[in-house]
Amino acid sequence: MQKKQNKTKKILKGKVASDKMTKTIVVLVESLREHPKYQKKYKVTKRYKAHDEKNEYKIGDLVEIVESGLLSKEKRWRVIKKVSSE
């Protein structure tokens, strides 16, 4: 029998952009990328839908999200904790 390797789940930090859905928030995660030819660094913003069971996180909060299994069509992340609030 082959053993399954435990993959570490990704943890991202971002700002809550929307909390209008029930039990779901939209988190904006910014990262720096470098252009392959010109080596200029630029910001890339990506939006993730994350599960918020108690609807406790509000717009502007800085949160940590972790990868999880499929929760819905677009939701694949869960909120771990609030880092700070605005």
N, C-alpha and C. Protein backbone atom coordinates (compact mmCIF):
# COMPACT_ATOMS: atom_id res chain seq x y z
N MET A 1 0.82 -1.18 0.00
CA MET A 1 0.00 0.00 0.00
C MET A 1 0.87 1.25 0.00
N GLN A 2 0.40 2.23 -0.71
CA GLN A 2 1.11 3.49 -0.74
C GLN A 2 0.54 4.43 0.32
N LYS A 3 1.42 5.20 0.92
CA LYS A 3 0.97 6.17 1.92
C LYS A 3 0.68 7.49 1.24
N LYS A 4 -0.37 8.16 1.70
CA LYS A 4 -0.67 9.48 1.18
C LYS A 4 0.20 10.50 1.91
N GLN A 5 0.74 11.44 1.16
CA GLN A 5 1.53 12.50 1.78
C GLN A 5 0.60 13.60 2.24
N ASN A 6 0.82 14.07 3.47
CA ASN A 6 0.03 15.18 3.96
C ASN A 6 0.58 16.47 3.38
N LYS A 7 -0.23 17.14 2.59
CA LYS A 7 0.20 18.41 2.01
C LYS A 7 -0.15 19.52 2.98
N THR A 8 0.76 20.46 3.13
CA THR A 8 0.44 21.59 3.99
C THR A 8 -0.51 22.51 3.26
N LYS A 9 -1.51 23.00 3.98
CA LYS A 9 -2.51 23.86 3.37
C LYS A 9 -1.99 25.29 3.34
N LYS A 10 -2.31 26.00 2.27
CA LYS A 10 -1.87 27.38 2.12
C LYS A 10 -2.61 28.28 3.09
N ILE A 11 -1.90 29.24 3.65
CA ILE A 11 -2.48 30.25 4.52
C ILE A 11 -2.20 31.60 3.91
N LEU A 12 -3.25 32.40 3.70
CA LEU A 12 -3.11 33.73 3.11
C LEU A 12 -3.66 34.78 4.06
N LYS A 13 -3.12 35.99 3.94
CA LYS A 13 -3.57 37.10 4.76
C LYS A 13 -4.12 38.17 3.84
N GLY A 14 -5.30 38.69 4.16
CA GLY A 14 -5.91 39.70 3.30
C GLY A 14 -6.97 40.51 4.02
N LYS A 15 -7.52 41.47 3.29
CA LYS A 15 -8.51 42.39 3.83
C LYS A 15 -9.90 42.00 3.34
N VAL A 16 -10.88 42.09 4.24
CA VAL A 16 -12.26 41.76 3.88
C VAL A 16 -12.82 42.88 3.00
N ALA A 17 -13.27 42.51 1.80
CA ALA A 17 -13.80 43.47 0.85
C ALA A 17 -15.32 43.51 0.87
N SER A 18 -15.95 42.37 1.20
CA SER A 18 -17.41 42.31 1.19
C SER A 18 -17.88 41.28 2.21
N ASP A 19 -18.98 41.63 2.90
CA ASP A 19 -19.58 40.69 3.84
C ASP A 19 -21.10 40.62 3.62
N LYS A 20 -21.55 40.86 2.40
CA LYS A 20 -22.97 40.93 2.09
C LYS A 20 -23.64 39.56 2.00
N MET A 21 -22.86 38.51 1.74
CA MET A 21 -23.43 37.17 1.63
C MET A 21 -23.53 36.54 3.02
N THR A 22 -24.46 35.63 3.20
CA THR A 22 -24.56 34.95 4.49
C THR A 22 -23.51 33.86 4.58
N LYS A 23 -22.77 33.85 5.67
CA LYS A 23 -21.72 32.88 5.96
C LYS A 23 -20.58 32.89 4.95
N THR A 24 -20.43 33.97 4.19
CA THR A 24 -19.36 34.08 3.20
C THR A 24 -18.82 35.50 3.20
N ILE A 25 -17.49 35.63 3.12
CA ILE A 25 -16.87 36.93 2.94
C ILE A 25 -15.95 36.88 1.73
N VAL A 26 -15.68 38.03 1.15
CA VAL A 26 -14.73 38.13 0.04
C VAL A 26 -13.48 38.78 0.60
N VAL A 27 -12.34 38.12 0.40
CA VAL A 27 -11.06 38.59 0.94
C VAL A 27 -10.15 38.99 -0.22
N LEU A 28 -9.60 40.22 -0.14
CA LEU A 28 -8.63 40.69 -1.14
C LEU A 28 -7.22 40.37 -0.64
N VAL A 29 -6.46 39.63 -1.44
CA VAL A 29 -5.09 39.26 -1.09
C VAL A 29 -4.17 39.91 -2.11
N GLU A 30 -3.23 40.73 -1.62
CA GLU A 30 -2.26 41.39 -2.49
C GLU A 30 -0.93 40.65 -2.46
N SER A 31 -0.29 40.55 -3.63
CA SER A 31 1.03 39.94 -3.70
C SER A 31 1.89 40.72 -4.68
N LEU A 32 3.18 40.65 -4.51
CA LEU A 32 4.12 41.31 -5.42
C LEU A 32 4.63 40.30 -6.43
N ARG A 33 4.58 40.65 -7.67
CA ARG A 33 5.13 39.82 -8.74
C ARG A 33 6.22 40.60 -9.45
N GLU A 34 7.07 39.89 -10.14
CA GLU A 34 8.14 40.54 -10.89
C GLU A 34 7.99 40.19 -12.36
N HIS A 35 8.08 41.21 -13.21
CA HIS A 35 7.96 40.98 -14.65
C HIS A 35 9.16 40.16 -15.12
N PRO A 36 8.94 39.11 -15.91
CA PRO A 36 10.04 38.23 -16.31
C PRO A 36 11.13 38.91 -17.16
N LYS A 37 10.73 39.85 -17.99
CA LYS A 37 11.72 40.48 -18.86
C LYS A 37 12.30 41.75 -18.25
N TYR A 38 11.45 42.60 -17.68
CA TYR A 38 11.90 43.91 -17.23
C TYR A 38 12.21 43.99 -15.74
N GLN A 39 11.97 42.92 -15.00
CA GLN A 39 12.25 42.84 -13.57
C GLN A 39 11.58 43.93 -12.74
N LYS A 40 10.54 44.53 -13.24
CA LYS A 40 9.81 45.53 -12.45
C LYS A 40 8.81 44.79 -11.56
N LYS A 41 8.73 45.22 -10.31
CA LYS A 41 7.79 44.61 -9.38
C LYS A 41 6.45 45.34 -9.47
N TYR A 42 5.36 44.58 -9.42
CA TYR A 42 4.03 45.16 -9.47
C TYR A 42 3.09 44.37 -8.57
N LYS A 43 2.04 45.06 -8.11
CA LYS A 43 1.07 44.44 -7.21
C LYS A 43 0.00 43.71 -8.01
N VAL A 44 -0.38 42.54 -7.50
CA VAL A 44 -1.47 41.77 -8.07
C VAL A 44 -2.47 41.52 -6.94
N THR A 45 -3.74 41.82 -7.19
CA THR A 45 -4.78 41.61 -6.20
C THR A 45 -5.70 40.49 -6.66
N LYS A 46 -5.95 39.55 -5.76
CA LYS A 46 -6.83 38.44 -6.08
C LYS A 46 -7.92 38.35 -5.02
N ARG A 47 -9.13 38.00 -5.46
CA ARG A 47 -10.28 37.91 -4.55
C ARG A 47 -10.59 36.44 -4.27
N TYR A 48 -10.74 36.12 -2.98
CA TYR A 48 -11.10 34.77 -2.58
C TYR A 48 -12.40 34.83 -1.78
N LYS A 49 -13.30 33.88 -2.02
CA LYS A 49 -14.49 33.74 -1.20
C LYS A 49 -14.16 32.77 -0.08
N ALA A 50 -14.41 33.19 1.16
CA ALA A 50 -14.06 32.38 2.32
C ALA A 50 -15.27 32.16 3.21
N HIS A 51 -15.29 31.01 3.88
CA HIS A 51 -16.41 30.64 4.76
C HIS A 51 -16.28 31.32 6.11
N ASP A 52 -17.35 32.00 6.52
CA ASP A 52 -17.41 32.70 7.81
C ASP A 52 -18.68 32.22 8.52
N GLU A 53 -18.53 31.18 9.34
CA GLU A 53 -19.69 30.50 9.93
C GLU A 53 -20.59 31.42 10.75
N LYS A 54 -20.01 32.32 11.54
CA LYS A 54 -20.81 33.13 12.47
C LYS A 54 -21.08 34.54 11.96
N ASN A 55 -20.69 34.86 10.75
CA ASN A 55 -20.83 36.21 10.19
C ASN A 55 -20.23 37.27 11.11
N GLU A 56 -19.02 37.00 11.63
CA GLU A 56 -18.42 37.91 12.61
C GLU A 56 -17.41 38.89 11.99
N TYR A 57 -16.98 38.68 10.76
CA TYR A 57 -15.96 39.54 10.15
C TYR A 57 -16.62 40.60 9.29
N LYS A 58 -16.15 41.84 9.41
CA LYS A 58 -16.75 42.97 8.72
C LYS A 58 -15.77 43.57 7.71
N ILE A 59 -16.26 44.44 6.84
CA ILE A 59 -15.44 45.08 5.81
C ILE A 59 -14.29 45.84 6.46
N GLY A 60 -13.08 45.65 5.95
CA GLY A 60 -11.91 46.35 6.46
C GLY A 60 -11.08 45.52 7.41
N ASP A 61 -11.61 44.42 7.94
CA ASP A 61 -10.85 43.56 8.86
C ASP A 61 -9.72 42.86 8.11
N LEU A 62 -8.58 42.70 8.77
CA LEU A 62 -7.47 41.93 8.22
C LEU A 62 -7.59 40.52 8.78
N VAL A 63 -7.72 39.51 7.89
CA VAL A 63 -7.97 38.14 8.33
C VAL A 63 -6.98 37.18 7.69
N GLU A 64 -6.87 35.99 8.29
CA GLU A 64 -6.09 34.90 7.71
C GLU A 64 -7.07 33.84 7.24
N ILE A 65 -6.83 33.32 6.02
CA ILE A 65 -7.68 32.27 5.47
C ILE A 65 -6.82 31.06 5.15
N VAL A 66 -7.42 29.88 5.23
CA VAL A 66 -6.70 28.63 4.96
C VAL A 66 -7.47 27.84 3.92
N GLU A 67 -6.73 27.09 3.11
CA GLU A 67 -7.32 26.24 2.09
C GLU A 67 -8.16 25.15 2.74
N SER A 68 -9.28 24.82 2.13
CA SER A 68 -10.10 23.70 2.60
C SER A 68 -10.69 23.00 1.40
N GLY A 69 -11.53 22.05 1.63
CA GLY A 69 -12.15 21.34 0.53
C GLY A 69 -13.23 22.19 -0.12
N LEU A 70 -13.92 21.60 -1.07
CA LEU A 70 -14.99 22.31 -1.75
C LEU A 70 -16.13 22.59 -0.78
N LEU A 71 -16.51 23.85 -0.65
CA LEU A 71 -17.64 24.22 0.19
C LEU A 71 -18.84 24.62 -0.66
N SER A 72 -18.57 25.19 -1.82
CA SER A 72 -19.61 25.53 -2.79
C SER A 72 -18.94 25.67 -4.14
N LYS A 73 -19.64 26.27 -5.10
CA LYS A 73 -19.08 26.40 -6.45
C LYS A 73 -17.79 27.21 -6.45
N GLU A 74 -17.73 28.30 -5.68
CA GLU A 74 -16.55 29.17 -5.68
C GLU A 74 -15.80 29.20 -4.36
N LYS A 75 -16.39 28.67 -3.28
CA LYS A 75 -15.77 28.74 -1.96
C LYS A 75 -14.86 27.55 -1.71
N ARG A 76 -13.56 27.83 -1.47
CA ARG A 76 -12.60 26.79 -1.16
C ARG A 76 -11.68 27.19 0.00
N TRP A 77 -12.05 28.24 0.72
CA TRP A 77 -11.23 28.77 1.81
C TRP A 77 -12.08 28.95 3.06
N ARG A 78 -11.44 28.86 4.22
CA ARG A 78 -12.09 29.12 5.51
C ARG A 78 -11.30 30.19 6.25
N VAL A 79 -12.00 31.01 7.05
CA VAL A 79 -11.34 32.03 7.84
C VAL A 79 -10.81 31.38 9.12
N ILE A 80 -9.51 31.65 9.42
CA ILE A 80 -8.92 31.11 10.65
C ILE A 80 -9.13 32.10 11.79
N LYS A 81 -8.65 33.33 11.58
CA LYS A 81 -8.71 34.32 12.66
C LYS A 81 -8.63 35.73 12.11
N LYS A 82 -8.99 36.68 12.96
CA LYS A 82 -8.87 38.10 12.62
C LYS A 82 -7.51 38.56 13.13
N VAL A 83 -6.73 39.20 12.24
CA VAL A 83 -5.42 39.71 12.63
C VAL A 83 -5.58 41.09 13.23
N SER A 84 -6.33 41.97 12.58
CA SER A 84 -6.61 43.29 13.10
C SER A 84 -7.85 43.85 12.41
N SER A 85 -8.37 44.94 12.97
CA SER A 85 -9.53 45.58 12.34
C SER A 85 -9.22 47.04 12.09
N GLU A 86 -9.91 47.62 11.12
CA GLU A 86 -9.63 49.00 10.74
C GLU A 86 -10.42 49.96 11.55
